[in-house]
N, C-alpha and C. Protein backbone atom coordinates (compact mmCIF):
# COMPACT_ATOMS: atom_id res chain seq x y z
N MET A 1 26.33 18.50 119.90
CA MET A 1 26.98 19.14 118.78
C MET A 1 25.93 19.87 117.93
N SER A 2 26.29 21.04 117.52
CA SER A 2 25.38 21.81 116.68
C SER A 2 25.60 21.44 115.21
N LEU A 3 24.77 21.97 114.37
CA LEU A 3 24.86 21.71 112.93
C LEU A 3 26.15 22.28 112.34
N VAL A 4 26.61 23.40 112.88
CA VAL A 4 27.85 24.00 112.41
C VAL A 4 29.04 23.09 112.75
N ASP A 5 29.02 22.51 113.92
CA ASP A 5 30.10 21.59 114.31
C ASP A 5 30.12 20.35 113.43
N VAL A 6 28.95 19.82 113.12
CA VAL A 6 28.86 18.65 112.25
C VAL A 6 29.37 18.99 110.85
N ALA A 7 29.02 20.17 110.34
CA ALA A 7 29.50 20.60 109.03
C ALA A 7 31.02 20.78 109.03
N ASP A 8 31.56 21.29 110.12
CA ASP A 8 33.02 21.46 110.20
C ASP A 8 33.74 20.12 110.23
N VAL A 9 33.20 19.15 110.96
CA VAL A 9 33.81 17.82 111.00
C VAL A 9 33.72 17.16 109.63
N ALA A 10 32.56 17.28 108.98
CA ALA A 10 32.40 16.72 107.63
C ALA A 10 33.35 17.40 106.65
N ALA A 11 33.54 18.70 106.80
CA ALA A 11 34.47 19.42 105.93
C ALA A 11 35.89 18.93 106.13
N GLY A 12 36.28 18.71 107.37
CA GLY A 12 37.62 18.19 107.65
C GLY A 12 37.82 16.80 107.06
N VAL A 13 36.81 15.95 107.19
CA VAL A 13 36.90 14.61 106.62
C VAL A 13 37.01 14.69 105.10
N CYS A 14 36.22 15.54 104.48
CA CYS A 14 36.28 15.70 103.02
C CYS A 14 37.64 16.21 102.57
N LEU A 15 38.20 17.15 103.30
CA LEU A 15 39.52 17.68 102.93
C LEU A 15 40.60 16.61 103.05
N VAL A 16 40.54 15.80 104.08
CA VAL A 16 41.54 14.74 104.26
C VAL A 16 41.37 13.66 103.19
N VAL A 17 40.13 13.26 102.92
CA VAL A 17 39.89 12.24 101.90
C VAL A 17 40.31 12.75 100.51
N GLY A 18 40.00 13.99 100.21
CA GLY A 18 40.41 14.57 98.93
C GLY A 18 41.91 14.64 98.79
N ALA A 19 42.59 15.00 99.88
CA ALA A 19 44.06 15.04 99.84
C ALA A 19 44.64 13.64 99.66
N LEU A 20 44.05 12.64 100.29
CA LEU A 20 44.52 11.27 100.11
C LEU A 20 44.30 10.77 98.68
N LEU A 21 43.16 11.10 98.09
CA LEU A 21 42.92 10.72 96.70
C LEU A 21 43.92 11.39 95.76
N THR A 22 44.24 12.64 96.03
CA THR A 22 45.22 13.34 95.22
C THR A 22 46.60 12.72 95.40
N LEU A 23 46.94 12.32 96.61
CA LEU A 23 48.21 11.65 96.86
C LEU A 23 48.27 10.31 96.14
N ILE A 24 47.18 9.56 96.17
CA ILE A 24 47.12 8.27 95.47
C ILE A 24 47.31 8.48 93.97
N ALA A 25 46.70 9.53 93.43
CA ALA A 25 46.88 9.83 92.01
C ALA A 25 48.34 10.15 91.69
N ALA A 26 49.00 10.90 92.54
CA ALA A 26 50.41 11.24 92.32
C ALA A 26 51.29 10.00 92.40
N ILE A 27 51.01 9.12 93.33
CA ILE A 27 51.78 7.87 93.44
C ILE A 27 51.55 7.01 92.21
N GLY A 28 50.32 6.97 91.72
CA GLY A 28 50.02 6.21 90.51
C GLY A 28 50.75 6.73 89.29
N ILE A 29 50.88 8.03 89.20
CA ILE A 29 51.60 8.62 88.07
C ILE A 29 53.07 8.19 88.12
N LEU A 30 53.63 8.11 89.30
CA LEU A 30 55.04 7.72 89.43
C LEU A 30 55.25 6.22 89.27
N ARG A 31 54.29 5.40 89.69
CA ARG A 31 54.51 3.96 89.76
C ARG A 31 54.01 3.16 88.57
N PHE A 32 52.99 3.64 87.85
CA PHE A 32 52.44 2.84 86.76
C PHE A 32 53.42 2.78 85.59
N PRO A 33 53.42 1.66 84.86
CA PRO A 33 54.47 1.45 83.86
C PRO A 33 54.29 2.15 82.52
N ASP A 34 53.07 2.33 82.07
CA ASP A 34 52.91 2.88 80.72
C ASP A 34 52.03 4.12 80.72
N LEU A 35 51.96 4.74 79.58
CA LEU A 35 51.30 6.04 79.43
C LEU A 35 49.81 5.99 79.75
N LEU A 36 49.12 5.00 79.25
CA LEU A 36 47.66 4.97 79.43
C LEU A 36 47.26 4.75 80.89
N THR A 37 47.98 3.92 81.61
CA THR A 37 47.64 3.73 83.02
C THR A 37 48.03 4.96 83.83
N ARG A 38 49.08 5.65 83.44
CA ARG A 38 49.42 6.90 84.11
C ARG A 38 48.37 7.96 83.86
N MET A 39 47.85 8.01 82.63
CA MET A 39 46.77 8.97 82.34
C MET A 39 45.53 8.65 83.16
N HIS A 40 45.22 7.38 83.30
CA HIS A 40 44.07 6.98 84.11
C HIS A 40 44.26 7.44 85.55
N SER A 41 45.46 7.25 86.07
CA SER A 41 45.75 7.67 87.43
C SER A 41 45.73 9.19 87.57
N ALA A 42 46.12 9.88 86.52
CA ALA A 42 46.16 11.34 86.58
C ALA A 42 44.76 11.95 86.52
N THR A 43 43.82 11.28 85.90
CA THR A 43 42.50 11.90 85.73
C THR A 43 41.48 11.46 86.76
N LYS A 44 41.25 10.17 86.91
CA LYS A 44 40.13 9.73 87.74
C LYS A 44 40.28 10.07 89.22
N PRO A 45 41.32 9.61 89.92
CA PRO A 45 41.38 9.96 91.35
C PRO A 45 41.68 11.44 91.59
N GLN A 46 42.38 12.06 90.63
CA GLN A 46 42.69 13.48 90.80
C GLN A 46 41.41 14.32 90.75
N VAL A 47 40.54 14.04 89.78
CA VAL A 47 39.29 14.79 89.67
C VAL A 47 38.39 14.50 90.85
N LEU A 48 38.29 13.24 91.25
CA LEU A 48 37.46 12.90 92.41
C LEU A 48 38.02 13.56 93.66
N GLY A 49 39.34 13.57 93.81
CA GLY A 49 39.95 14.24 94.96
C GLY A 49 39.65 15.72 94.98
N LEU A 50 39.74 16.36 93.81
CA LEU A 50 39.42 17.79 93.75
C LEU A 50 37.96 18.05 94.08
N LEU A 51 37.06 17.21 93.60
CA LEU A 51 35.64 17.42 93.89
C LEU A 51 35.34 17.23 95.38
N VAL A 52 36.00 16.28 96.01
CA VAL A 52 35.80 16.07 97.45
C VAL A 52 36.38 17.25 98.23
N ILE A 53 37.53 17.77 97.79
CA ILE A 53 38.10 18.95 98.44
C ILE A 53 37.18 20.16 98.27
N LEU A 54 36.60 20.32 97.09
CA LEU A 54 35.65 21.41 96.87
C LEU A 54 34.41 21.26 97.75
N LEU A 55 33.96 20.03 97.94
CA LEU A 55 32.82 19.80 98.83
C LEU A 55 33.20 20.18 100.27
N GLY A 56 34.39 19.81 100.68
CA GLY A 56 34.85 20.18 102.02
C GLY A 56 34.95 21.69 102.19
N LEU A 57 35.45 22.38 101.16
CA LEU A 57 35.50 23.84 101.22
C LEU A 57 34.10 24.45 101.27
N ALA A 58 33.18 23.88 100.52
CA ALA A 58 31.80 24.40 100.54
C ALA A 58 31.18 24.22 101.92
N LEU A 59 31.43 23.07 102.54
CA LEU A 59 30.89 22.84 103.89
C LEU A 59 31.52 23.78 104.92
N ARG A 60 32.76 24.13 104.69
CA ARG A 60 33.46 24.99 105.66
C ARG A 60 33.15 26.47 105.45
N LEU A 61 33.12 26.92 104.20
CA LEU A 61 32.94 28.36 103.94
C LEU A 61 31.49 28.81 104.11
N ARG A 62 30.56 28.09 103.55
CA ARG A 62 29.12 28.36 103.68
C ARG A 62 28.71 29.78 103.27
N GLU A 63 29.38 30.35 102.28
CA GLU A 63 29.01 31.66 101.74
C GLU A 63 28.52 31.48 100.32
N PRO A 64 27.44 32.16 99.94
CA PRO A 64 26.90 31.97 98.59
C PRO A 64 27.89 32.32 97.47
N ALA A 65 28.66 33.37 97.64
CA ALA A 65 29.63 33.75 96.60
C ALA A 65 30.71 32.68 96.46
N ALA A 66 31.18 32.15 97.57
CA ALA A 66 32.20 31.10 97.53
C ALA A 66 31.63 29.81 96.95
N LEU A 67 30.39 29.50 97.28
CA LEU A 67 29.76 28.29 96.74
C LEU A 67 29.61 28.38 95.23
N GLY A 68 29.24 29.54 94.73
CA GLY A 68 29.13 29.71 93.28
C GLY A 68 30.46 29.52 92.58
N LEU A 69 31.51 30.05 93.16
CA LEU A 69 32.85 29.90 92.58
C LEU A 69 33.30 28.44 92.63
N LEU A 70 33.02 27.74 93.72
CA LEU A 70 33.39 26.34 93.84
C LEU A 70 32.63 25.47 92.83
N VAL A 71 31.37 25.79 92.61
CA VAL A 71 30.59 25.06 91.60
C VAL A 71 31.17 25.30 90.21
N MET A 72 31.56 26.53 89.92
CA MET A 72 32.17 26.82 88.62
C MET A 72 33.47 26.05 88.43
N VAL A 73 34.29 25.99 89.47
CA VAL A 73 35.55 25.23 89.39
C VAL A 73 35.26 23.75 89.13
N ALA A 74 34.27 23.20 89.82
CA ALA A 74 33.93 21.79 89.63
C ALA A 74 33.42 21.53 88.22
N VAL A 75 32.56 22.40 87.71
CA VAL A 75 32.02 22.21 86.36
C VAL A 75 33.13 22.31 85.32
N PHE A 76 33.99 23.29 85.43
CA PHE A 76 35.08 23.43 84.46
C PHE A 76 36.04 22.25 84.54
N GLN A 77 36.29 21.75 85.72
CA GLN A 77 37.16 20.58 85.87
C GLN A 77 36.52 19.36 85.21
N MET A 78 35.23 19.17 85.42
CA MET A 78 34.55 18.02 84.84
C MET A 78 34.44 18.12 83.32
N VAL A 79 34.43 19.33 82.79
CA VAL A 79 34.34 19.50 81.33
C VAL A 79 35.71 19.36 80.67
N THR A 80 36.74 19.94 81.25
CA THR A 80 38.02 20.00 80.57
C THR A 80 38.90 18.75 80.77
N THR A 81 38.80 18.08 81.88
CA THR A 81 39.67 16.94 82.15
C THR A 81 39.45 15.78 81.17
N PRO A 82 38.23 15.34 80.89
CA PRO A 82 38.08 14.25 79.93
C PRO A 82 38.55 14.63 78.52
N ILE A 83 38.32 15.85 78.12
CA ILE A 83 38.74 16.28 76.79
C ILE A 83 40.26 16.34 76.70
N GLY A 84 40.88 16.91 77.71
CA GLY A 84 42.34 16.98 77.72
C GLY A 84 42.98 15.60 77.76
N SER A 85 42.44 14.71 78.56
CA SER A 85 42.96 13.35 78.65
C SER A 85 42.80 12.61 77.33
N HIS A 86 41.67 12.80 76.69
CA HIS A 86 41.44 12.17 75.38
C HIS A 86 42.43 12.67 74.35
N MET A 87 42.68 13.96 74.33
CA MET A 87 43.61 14.52 73.34
C MET A 87 45.05 14.07 73.60
N VAL A 88 45.46 13.97 74.85
CA VAL A 88 46.80 13.48 75.17
C VAL A 88 46.93 12.02 74.77
N GLY A 89 45.92 11.21 75.05
CA GLY A 89 45.96 9.80 74.67
C GLY A 89 46.00 9.62 73.17
N ARG A 90 45.24 10.40 72.46
CA ARG A 90 45.22 10.31 71.00
C ARG A 90 46.56 10.73 70.40
N ALA A 91 47.14 11.81 70.91
CA ALA A 91 48.43 12.26 70.40
C ALA A 91 49.53 11.25 70.72
N SER A 92 49.49 10.67 71.90
CA SER A 92 50.52 9.69 72.24
C SER A 92 50.35 8.42 71.42
N PHE A 93 49.13 8.05 71.08
CA PHE A 93 48.91 6.90 70.22
C PHE A 93 49.48 7.16 68.83
N ARG A 94 49.24 8.35 68.30
CA ARG A 94 49.78 8.70 66.99
C ARG A 94 51.29 8.74 66.99
N ALA A 95 51.88 9.15 68.10
CA ALA A 95 53.34 9.24 68.18
C ALA A 95 53.98 7.88 68.46
N GLY A 96 53.17 6.84 68.67
CA GLY A 96 53.69 5.51 68.91
C GLY A 96 54.20 5.29 70.32
N GLN A 97 53.71 6.04 71.28
CA GLN A 97 54.16 5.90 72.65
C GLN A 97 53.30 4.97 73.49
N VAL A 98 52.30 4.36 72.87
CA VAL A 98 51.40 3.44 73.59
C VAL A 98 51.88 2.02 73.34
N ARG A 99 52.00 1.25 74.41
CA ARG A 99 52.38 -0.15 74.28
C ARG A 99 51.18 -0.95 73.80
N ARG A 100 51.22 -1.36 72.57
CA ARG A 100 50.06 -2.04 71.97
C ARG A 100 49.85 -3.44 72.52
N ASP A 101 50.88 -4.05 73.06
CA ASP A 101 50.72 -5.38 73.62
C ASP A 101 49.88 -5.36 74.90
N LEU A 102 49.72 -4.20 75.53
CA LEU A 102 48.91 -4.09 76.74
C LEU A 102 47.46 -3.70 76.46
N LEU A 103 47.14 -3.36 75.21
CA LEU A 103 45.78 -2.95 74.87
C LEU A 103 44.87 -4.16 74.77
N VAL A 104 43.69 -4.06 75.37
CA VAL A 104 42.69 -5.11 75.24
C VAL A 104 41.90 -4.90 73.95
N VAL A 105 41.49 -3.66 73.71
CA VAL A 105 40.77 -3.28 72.51
C VAL A 105 41.53 -2.14 71.86
N ASP A 106 41.74 -2.24 70.56
CA ASP A 106 42.46 -1.20 69.82
C ASP A 106 41.58 -0.70 68.69
N ASP A 107 40.80 0.33 68.97
CA ASP A 107 39.91 0.89 67.97
C ASP A 107 40.57 1.96 67.12
N LEU A 108 41.73 2.42 67.49
CA LEU A 108 42.35 3.53 66.78
C LEU A 108 43.33 3.12 65.69
N SER A 109 43.78 1.88 65.67
CA SER A 109 44.78 1.47 64.69
C SER A 109 44.29 1.64 63.25
N HIS A 110 43.04 1.41 63.02
CA HIS A 110 42.51 1.49 61.66
C HIS A 110 42.15 2.90 61.25
N THR A 111 41.98 3.80 62.21
CA THR A 111 41.53 5.15 61.87
C THR A 111 42.62 6.21 61.97
N LEU A 112 43.62 6.00 62.81
CA LEU A 112 44.67 7.00 62.98
C LEU A 112 45.99 6.51 62.39
N PRO A 113 46.64 7.35 61.62
CA PRO A 113 47.97 6.95 61.14
C PRO A 113 48.98 7.06 62.28
N VAL A 114 49.90 6.12 62.31
CA VAL A 114 50.96 6.12 63.31
C VAL A 114 52.21 6.72 62.68
N ASP A 115 52.93 7.51 63.45
CA ASP A 115 54.15 8.14 62.97
C ASP A 115 55.19 7.07 62.64
N PRO A 116 55.62 6.97 61.37
CA PRO A 116 56.57 5.89 61.01
C PRO A 116 57.96 6.10 61.58
N THR A 117 58.30 7.31 62.02
CA THR A 117 59.63 7.54 62.57
C THR A 117 59.73 7.21 64.04
N SER A 118 58.58 6.99 64.70
CA SER A 118 58.62 6.69 66.13
C SER A 118 58.83 5.21 66.34
N PRO A 119 59.54 4.82 67.40
CA PRO A 119 59.77 3.39 67.66
C PRO A 119 58.49 2.74 68.18
N GLU A 120 58.19 1.57 67.70
CA GLU A 120 57.04 0.81 68.20
C GLU A 120 57.40 0.19 69.54
N LYS A 121 56.46 0.19 70.45
CA LYS A 121 56.73 -0.38 71.76
C LYS A 121 55.87 -1.61 71.96
């Protein structure tokens, strides 16, 4: 086997693993009971799945222009996903959509006001 064949096989493995991680994230979003665990499922395996898929694409395409674009996609994903997830979690906490009985540590109760019109869960 040549180096190109090895890179193609590795690319195929990366694409399949990335697709499986994305599928696991989607199943977690549907199956987990509360907002915070769904957010965890939506961010961690989804981002890892996307990065593995991007690695598979980089191994398959092997063009400098495509590699630069894939690196930019990975960097933007790594920058925006934690910030977006944090803002959604903070907004849902303020709206009273977080089940407080499931929290191990609650650092936000003393700093963020909770909406008095929302039902406590």
